[in-house]
């Protein structure tokens, strides 16, 4: 018996736009798209002519005159293509150019309560439009031209909201909103997070958000103005030194209160660091804070900011950046002992915490295995020169 996936794939291969639209509208729903859209279907759509270009069209619902909706498939097609930016470079730029124009068109015509992760625009719990967005959960191995265009798309999303600011960068969806100069977030009930932020404030550290308590069942935080970088490529030596210096200050404060342990962020990629005029002004999103080892965030910063998982990395430069971080941080001997093994442990923990049935598991698996090859290659050098 032919499945819905089989039927949809046949229509995509045939590039039969009318039949494809009929099947999508009458037999499928946006809600089930995630389970229906296999990699093969998304690949076929990206290389189709009629179907792909039909997605790059604004449309209105039957009760509205303004063209405020993008096709719901674009969210899935864009996210998939960003996993392979070299293979789908032309299609990605066509989507991004369309998305920027479409989002600015929306911004000129309406305001909304919130933008959901998939781009749905909500007003009083009603869908009133759909923006073009992406949700990169891992590093994008693109070039500067792609990152500039992605940032333009982020800014077009930001332009949509009036009373509420669509946060620039990061991967926040409906759970995080900027309202009246403050950040509202779904409560984490993570006492480590609240205690840590109050500790930083008490020690006059200004680059973590102030925790302002609970209002209307939401956690409320002081807003740090600036921009984040919602993708990862090799950051500059200057930026890597700067974030390492900030981590040293944070960990030094933590260790005084935790008998040598520290409060660990757990996801200190560039998407959670706020920049203003190329300077670090904030380190945000401490939702998953836990008490752990001093080297944990240090290793994650090296892994992501130096972009060890980049297929085109410069291996020797990776080691140079690691040495720069060690020199900047000035860790003790216990921190440095068996350091290559500690890096591998951190990478394996990332893989263990990734659901094996998630759409991104294979990509994360490949990213981690490629990163681990660098560690193995340089393990002797790390042992001799670091510990």
Protein backbone atom coordinates (compact mmCIF):
# COMPACT_ATOMS: atom_id res chain seq x y z
CA UNK A 1 0.00 0.00 0.00
CA UNK A 2 1.40 3.37 -1.05
CA UNK A 3 2.15 5.69 1.87
CA UNK A 4 1.67 9.45 1.93
CA UNK A 5 5.46 9.82 1.73
CA UNK A 6 5.53 7.66 -1.44
CA UNK A 7 2.73 9.68 -3.03
CA UNK A 8 4.30 13.01 -2.22
CA UNK A 9 7.70 11.90 -3.50
CA UNK A 10 6.19 10.79 -6.83
CA UNK A 11 4.53 14.19 -7.28
CA UNK A 12 7.79 15.97 -6.48
CA UNK A 13 9.80 13.83 -8.91
CA UNK A 14 7.23 14.55 -11.62
CA UNK A 15 7.37 18.27 -10.69
CA UNK A 16 3.59 18.27 -11.14
CA UNK A 17 2.66 21.55 -9.47
CA UNK A 18 -1.12 21.30 -9.72
CA UNK A 19 -1.26 17.75 -8.39
CA UNK A 20 1.28 18.62 -5.71
CA UNK A 21 -0.78 21.62 -4.53
CA UNK A 22 -4.00 19.60 -4.52
CA UNK A 23 -2.41 16.84 -2.47
CA UNK A 24 -0.81 19.28 -0.04
CA UNK A 25 -4.03 21.23 0.51
CA UNK A 26 -6.47 18.35 0.61
CA UNK A 27 -4.60 15.35 1.98
CA UNK A 28 -1.86 16.78 4.18
CA UNK A 29 -1.52 19.45 6.83
CA UNK A 30 1.26 21.73 8.02
CA UNK A 31 1.13 20.02 11.40
CA UNK A 32 2.15 16.66 9.95
CA UNK A 33 4.76 18.06 7.57
CA UNK A 34 7.69 17.31 9.85
CA UNK A 35 6.94 13.59 9.78
CA UNK A 36 6.09 13.47 6.06
CA UNK A 37 8.94 15.49 4.57
CA UNK A 38 11.80 13.04 4.24
CA UNK A 39 15.26 14.17 3.14
CA UNK A 40 14.59 12.68 -0.29
CA UNK A 41 11.40 14.72 -0.70
CA UNK A 42 13.14 17.93 0.37
CA UNK A 43 16.05 17.23 -2.01
CA UNK A 44 13.63 16.68 -4.87
CA UNK A 45 11.75 19.90 -4.11
CA UNK A 46 14.98 21.89 -4.06
CA UNK A 47 15.96 20.59 -7.50
CA UNK A 48 12.48 20.92 -8.99
CA UNK A 49 11.52 23.83 -11.20
CA UNK A 50 7.78 24.38 -10.85
CA UNK A 51 7.29 23.29 -7.25
CA UNK A 52 10.34 25.07 -5.85
CA UNK A 53 9.57 28.40 -7.48
CA UNK A 54 5.92 28.17 -6.45
CA UNK A 55 7.13 28.31 -2.84
CA UNK A 56 8.67 31.73 -3.49
CA UNK A 57 5.27 33.40 -3.71
CA UNK A 58 3.36 35.53 -1.23
CA UNK A 59 -0.31 34.78 -0.79
CA UNK A 60 -3.25 35.87 1.36
CA UNK A 61 -6.00 33.85 2.94
CA UNK A 62 -9.51 34.16 1.57
CA UNK A 63 -10.52 36.81 4.13
CA UNK A 64 -7.58 39.20 3.59
CA UNK A 65 -6.39 41.45 0.81
CA UNK A 66 -2.77 41.69 1.95
CA UNK A 67 -0.28 39.02 0.92
CA UNK A 68 1.05 38.20 4.36
CA UNK A 69 1.70 34.46 4.16
CA UNK A 70 4.69 32.49 2.96
CA UNK A 71 4.29 28.82 2.04
CA UNK A 72 4.65 26.64 5.18
CA UNK A 73 6.99 24.32 3.28
CA UNK A 74 9.63 27.04 3.04
CA UNK A 75 10.53 26.62 6.71
CA UNK A 76 11.39 22.95 6.18
CA UNK A 77 13.10 23.47 2.81
CA UNK A 78 15.29 26.31 4.12
CA UNK A 79 16.32 24.47 7.29
CA UNK A 80 17.25 21.39 5.27
CA UNK A 81 19.21 23.29 2.62
CA UNK A 82 21.23 25.14 5.28
CA UNK A 83 22.64 21.77 6.36
CA UNK A 84 24.31 21.56 2.94
CA UNK A 85 24.99 25.16 1.89
CA UNK A 86 27.44 24.22 -0.87
CA UNK A 87 25.02 21.80 -2.55
CA UNK A 88 22.06 24.20 -2.47
CA UNK A 89 23.74 27.61 -2.67
CA UNK A 90 21.53 28.92 -5.50
CA UNK A 91 18.29 27.76 -3.87
CA UNK A 92 19.27 29.14 -0.45
CA UNK A 93 19.93 32.61 -1.82
CA UNK A 94 16.68 32.57 -3.78
CA UNK A 95 14.78 31.69 -0.59
CA UNK A 96 16.62 34.28 1.50
CA UNK A 97 16.10 37.05 -1.05
CA UNK A 98 12.40 36.21 -1.22
CA UNK A 99 12.16 35.93 2.57
CA UNK A 100 13.73 39.31 3.26
CA UNK A 101 11.38 41.05 0.82
CA UNK A 102 8.36 39.14 2.14
CA UNK A 103 9.15 39.84 5.79
CA UNK A 104 9.62 43.57 5.14
CA UNK A 105 6.27 43.55 3.34
CA UNK A 106 4.70 42.09 6.47
CA UNK A 107 6.48 44.61 8.69
CA UNK A 108 4.91 47.47 6.73
CA UNK A 109 1.38 46.10 7.18
CA UNK A 110 0.87 44.53 10.61
CA UNK A 111 2.10 43.97 14.12
CA UNK A 112 1.64 40.76 16.06
CA UNK A 113 1.81 39.32 19.55
CA UNK A 114 4.53 36.86 18.72
CA UNK A 115 6.43 35.01 16.03
CA UNK A 116 6.51 31.27 16.50
CA UNK A 117 9.54 29.13 15.73
CA UNK A 118 8.19 28.17 12.30
CA UNK A 119 7.40 31.78 11.35
CA UNK A 120 3.68 31.78 12.17
CA UNK A 121 2.53 35.25 13.24
CA UNK A 122 0.06 35.17 16.12
CA UNK A 123 -2.43 37.77 17.34
CA UNK A 124 -4.72 36.81 20.24
CA UNK A 125 -3.89 33.13 19.56
CA UNK A 126 -4.94 33.48 15.92
CA UNK A 127 -2.71 32.94 12.89
CA UNK A 128 -2.56 36.22 10.93
CA UNK A 129 0.46 35.67 8.68
CA UNK A 130 3.63 33.68 8.15
CA UNK A 131 7.17 35.03 7.97
CA UNK A 132 10.17 33.31 6.43
CA UNK A 133 12.45 32.13 9.24
CA UNK A 134 15.00 29.42 9.90
CA UNK A 135 15.90 27.47 13.01
CA UNK A 136 19.58 26.50 12.88
CA UNK A 137 20.17 24.15 15.79
CA UNK A 138 23.83 23.57 14.93
CA UNK A 139 26.70 25.31 13.18
CA UNK A 140 26.19 26.37 9.56
CA UNK A 141 29.35 25.79 7.52
CA UNK A 142 28.80 28.63 5.11
CA UNK A 143 30.87 31.56 3.89
CA UNK A 144 30.68 35.23 4.83
CA UNK A 145 28.28 36.00 1.96
CA UNK A 146 25.77 33.51 3.37
CA UNK A 147 26.12 34.79 6.94
CA UNK A 148 25.51 38.37 5.80
CA UNK A 149 22.33 37.30 4.01
CA UNK A 150 21.14 35.29 7.03
CA UNK A 151 21.68 38.35 9.19
CA UNK A 152 19.58 40.39 6.71
CA UNK A 153 16.81 37.82 7.13
CA UNK A 154 17.09 38.09 10.93
CA UNK A 155 16.78 41.85 10.69
CA UNK A 156 13.70 41.54 8.48
CA UNK A 157 12.09 39.36 11.15
CA UNK A 158 13.02 41.94 13.76
CA UNK A 159 11.29 44.61 11.69
CA UNK A 160 7.96 42.76 11.82
CA UNK A 161 7.23 43.44 15.47
CA UNK A 162 6.41 46.84 16.84
CA UNK A 163 5.41 46.57 20.50
CA UNK A 164 7.52 43.46 20.94
CA UNK A 165 11.05 43.07 19.66
CA UNK A 166 11.96 39.94 17.75
CA UNK A 167 15.27 39.11 19.39
CA UNK A 168 18.19 39.51 17.01
CA UNK A 169 19.93 36.20 16.57
CA UNK A 170 19.76 33.07 18.68
CA UNK A 171 17.18 30.32 18.28
CA UNK A 172 14.45 31.67 20.55
CA UNK A 173 10.88 30.98 19.54
CA UNK A 174 7.56 31.66 21.24
CA UNK A 175 9.03 30.97 24.69
CA UNK A 176 11.08 34.20 24.74
CA UNK A 177 9.72 37.72 24.21
CA UNK A 178 10.92 41.27 24.66
CA UNK A 179 8.22 43.41 26.28
CA UNK A 180 8.50 46.93 27.68
CA UNK A 181 12.27 46.82 28.06
CA UNK A 182 12.40 43.39 29.71
CA UNK A 183 12.74 39.76 28.65
CA UNK A 184 9.83 37.40 29.38
CA UNK A 185 10.60 33.68 29.29
CA UNK A 186 8.70 30.52 30.05
CA UNK A 187 9.67 29.59 33.61
CA UNK A 188 12.52 27.10 33.89
CA UNK A 189 12.14 26.48 37.65
CA UNK A 190 15.93 26.06 37.58
CA UNK A 191 17.12 27.31 40.96
CA UNK A 192 20.75 27.09 39.78
CA UNK A 193 19.95 29.67 37.09
CA UNK A 194 18.29 32.09 39.52
CA UNK A 195 21.00 31.68 42.18
CA UNK A 196 23.78 32.10 39.65
CA UNK A 197 22.37 35.31 38.16
CA UNK A 198 21.80 36.83 41.60
CA UNK A 199 25.38 35.87 42.54
CA UNK A 200 26.76 37.64 39.48
CA UNK A 201 24.71 40.74 40.25
CA UNK A 202 25.86 40.73 43.88
CA UNK A 203 29.45 40.62 42.68
CA UNK A 204 28.80 43.55 40.31
CA UNK A 205 29.31 41.50 37.16
CA UNK A 206 27.28 43.36 34.54
CA UNK A 207 27.34 41.03 31.53
CA UNK A 208 24.83 38.48 32.75
CA UNK A 209 21.13 39.42 32.81
CA UNK A 210 19.62 40.56 36.09
CA UNK A 211 16.90 38.19 37.24
CA UNK A 212 13.89 40.34 38.10
CA UNK A 213 11.59 37.62 39.43
CA UNK A 214 8.27 36.24 38.22
CA UNK A 215 5.39 38.15 36.60
CA UNK A 216 2.25 36.51 35.22
CA UNK A 217 3.86 33.09 35.53
CA UNK A 218 6.92 34.10 33.45
CA UNK A 219 10.57 34.57 34.41
CA UNK A 220 11.54 38.21 33.91
CA UNK A 221 15.06 39.38 33.09
CA UNK A 222 16.84 42.64 32.39
CA UNK A 223 17.34 43.06 28.61
CA UNK A 224 20.90 43.43 27.28
CA UNK A 225 20.87 45.47 24.10
CA UNK A 226 23.02 44.29 21.19
CA UNK A 227 23.29 41.51 18.64
CA UNK A 228 24.05 37.81 18.79
CA UNK A 229 25.50 35.65 16.02
CA UNK A 230 23.00 32.87 15.23
CA UNK A 231 25.46 30.76 13.30
CA UNK A 232 28.95 29.47 13.94
CA UNK A 233 32.06 29.98 11.90
CA UNK A 234 35.64 30.51 13.06
CA UNK A 235 35.54 33.60 15.24
CA UNK A 236 38.46 36.01 15.35
CA UNK A 237 41.32 35.54 17.78
CA UNK A 238 40.28 38.81 19.42
CA UNK A 239 36.73 37.56 20.03
CA UNK A 240 37.95 34.20 21.35
CA UNK A 241 40.28 35.94 23.79
CA UNK A 242 37.44 38.24 24.88
CA UNK A 243 34.97 35.43 25.66
CA UNK A 244 37.72 33.46 27.43
CA UNK A 245 38.41 36.47 29.66
CA UNK A 246 34.71 36.77 30.51
CA UNK A 247 34.51 33.06 31.35
CA UNK A 248 37.50 33.41 33.65
CA UNK A 249 35.76 36.20 35.60
CA UNK A 250 32.50 34.23 35.85
CA UNK A 251 34.22 31.02 36.95
CA UNK A 252 36.40 32.81 39.48
CA UNK A 253 33.29 34.19 41.17
CA UNK A 254 31.54 30.80 41.04
CA UNK A 255 34.47 28.90 42.53
CA UNK A 256 34.48 31.11 45.62
CA UNK A 257 30.97 29.92 46.46
CA UNK A 258 31.08 26.32 45.19
CA UNK A 259 34.30 24.95 46.67
CA UNK A 260 36.10 24.78 43.33
CA UNK A 261 33.11 23.81 41.20
CA UNK A 262 31.42 26.37 38.89
CA UNK A 263 28.03 27.24 37.45
CA UNK A 264 28.11 25.83 33.91
CA UNK A 265 26.15 27.47 31.08
CA UNK A 266 26.36 24.40 28.86
CA UNK A 267 25.74 26.13 25.51
CA UNK A 268 28.15 29.05 25.29
CA UNK A 269 28.10 29.37 21.53
CA UNK A 270 27.99 32.72 19.77
CA UNK A 271 24.18 32.64 19.72
CA UNK A 272 24.20 33.21 23.48
CA UNK A 273 26.71 36.07 23.57
CA UNK A 274 25.60 39.65 22.94
CA UNK A 275 27.87 42.00 20.99
CA UNK A 276 27.72 45.78 20.67
CA UNK A 277 30.23 47.56 18.43
CA UNK A 278 32.18 44.28 18.22
CA UNK A 279 32.56 44.09 22.01
CA UNK A 280 30.96 41.51 24.29
CA UNK A 281 28.29 43.17 26.40
CA UNK A 282 26.25 40.18 27.56
CA UNK A 283 26.14 36.41 28.07
CA UNK A 284 22.54 35.23 28.04
CA UNK A 285 20.21 32.21 28.21
CA UNK A 286 21.36 30.51 31.41
CA UNK A 287 18.20 28.35 31.44
CA UNK A 288 20.07 25.05 31.73
CA UNK A 289 22.68 26.15 34.28
CA UNK A 290 24.11 23.36 36.41
CA UNK A 291 27.02 22.92 38.80
CA UNK A 292 29.95 21.27 37.10
CA UNK A 293 33.61 21.44 36.16
CA UNK A 294 35.55 24.60 35.42
CA UNK A 295 36.74 23.31 32.04
CA UNK A 296 33.25 22.46 30.70
CA UNK A 297 32.29 25.83 29.19
CA UNK A 298 35.93 26.47 28.25
CA UNK A 299 35.97 23.37 26.04
CA UNK A 300 32.61 24.19 24.46
CA UNK A 301 33.80 27.71 23.61
CA UNK A 302 36.92 26.32 21.96
CA UNK A 303 34.89 23.72 20.06
CA UNK A 304 32.34 26.17 18.68
CA UNK A 305 34.14 29.52 18.49
CA UNK A 306 37.22 28.02 16.82
CA UNK A 307 34.77 25.87 14.79
CA UNK A 308 36.66 22.61 15.19
CA UNK A 309 33.84 20.83 13.35
CA UNK A 310 34.41 22.80 10.14
CA UNK A 311 35.13 20.39 7.29
CA UNK A 312 37.61 22.92 5.86
CA UNK A 313 39.36 23.74 9.12
CA UNK A 314 43.03 24.62 9.43
CA UNK A 315 44.17 21.95 11.90
CA UNK A 316 47.27 23.80 13.08
CA UNK A 317 45.31 26.99 13.58
CA UNK A 318 42.85 25.11 15.79
CA UNK A 319 45.72 24.13 18.07
CA UNK A 320 47.07 27.68 18.01
CA UNK A 321 43.68 29.03 19.15
CA UNK A 322 43.50 26.42 21.91
CA UNK A 323 46.92 27.50 23.16
CA UNK A 324 45.81 31.15 23.05
CA UNK A 325 42.77 30.29 25.17
CA UNK A 326 44.91 28.41 27.70
CA UNK A 327 47.33 31.33 27.90
CA UNK A 328 44.45 33.76 28.39
CA UNK A 329 42.61 31.69 30.99
CA UNK A 330 45.67 30.62 33.00
CA UNK A 331 44.13 27.40 34.41
CA UNK A 332 45.70 25.30 37.15
CA UNK A 333 47.29 21.89 36.56
CA UNK A 334 44.17 19.98 37.56
CA UNK A 335 42.19 21.84 34.86
CA UNK A 336 44.75 20.93 32.17
CA UNK A 337 45.36 17.30 33.21
CA UNK A 338 44.23 14.77 30.51
CA UNK A 339 42.84 17.67 28.53
CA UNK A 340 42.39 15.84 25.23
CA UNK A 341 40.32 13.19 27.03
CA UNK A 342 38.21 15.94 28.62
CA UNK A 343 37.51 17.42 25.18
CA UNK A 344 36.39 14.04 23.85
CA UNK A 345 34.18 13.52 26.91
CA UNK A 346 32.47 16.87 26.28
CA UNK A 347 31.84 15.99 22.64
CA UNK A 348 30.41 12.60 23.51
CA UNK A 349 28.09 14.19 26.06
CA UNK A 350 26.72 16.44 23.33
CA UNK A 351 25.96 13.39 21.20
CA UNK A 352 24.42 11.50 24.12
CA UNK A 353 22.07 14.42 24.81
CA UNK A 354 20.87 14.55 21.19
CA UNK A 355 17.71 12.47 20.61
CA UNK A 356 18.61 9.70 18.20
CA UNK A 357 15.27 10.05 16.38
CA UNK A 358 15.66 13.81 15.81
CA UNK A 359 15.99 15.20 12.28
CA UNK A 360 19.43 16.63 13.09
CA UNK A 361 20.93 13.57 14.78
CA UNK A 362 22.91 12.33 11.77
CA UNK A 363 24.32 15.77 11.08
CA UNK A 364 25.32 16.28 14.72
CA UNK A 365 26.81 12.77 14.75
CA UNK A 366 28.95 13.60 11.70
CA UNK A 367 29.94 16.99 13.14
CA UNK A 368 31.07 15.41 16.41
CA UNK A 369 32.95 12.56 14.78
CA UNK A 370 34.82 15.00 12.54
CA UNK A 371 35.63 17.18 15.56
CA UNK A 372 36.88 14.15 17.47
CA UNK A 373 39.28 13.29 14.66
CA UNK A 374 41.04 16.59 15.28
CA UNK A 375 41.35 15.84 19.00
CA UNK A 376 42.79 12.38 18.31
CA UNK A 377 45.23 13.78 15.76
CA UNK A 378 46.54 16.37 18.24
CA UNK A 379 46.19 14.34 21.43
CA UNK A 380 49.94 13.84 21.87
CA UNK A 381 50.61 17.53 21.22
CA UNK A 382 47.88 18.52 23.67
CA UNK A 383 49.34 16.17 26.28
CA UNK A 384 52.87 17.57 25.92
CA UNK A 385 52.03 21.29 25.63
CA UNK A 386 48.91 21.53 27.80
CA UNK A 387 48.45 18.50 29.99
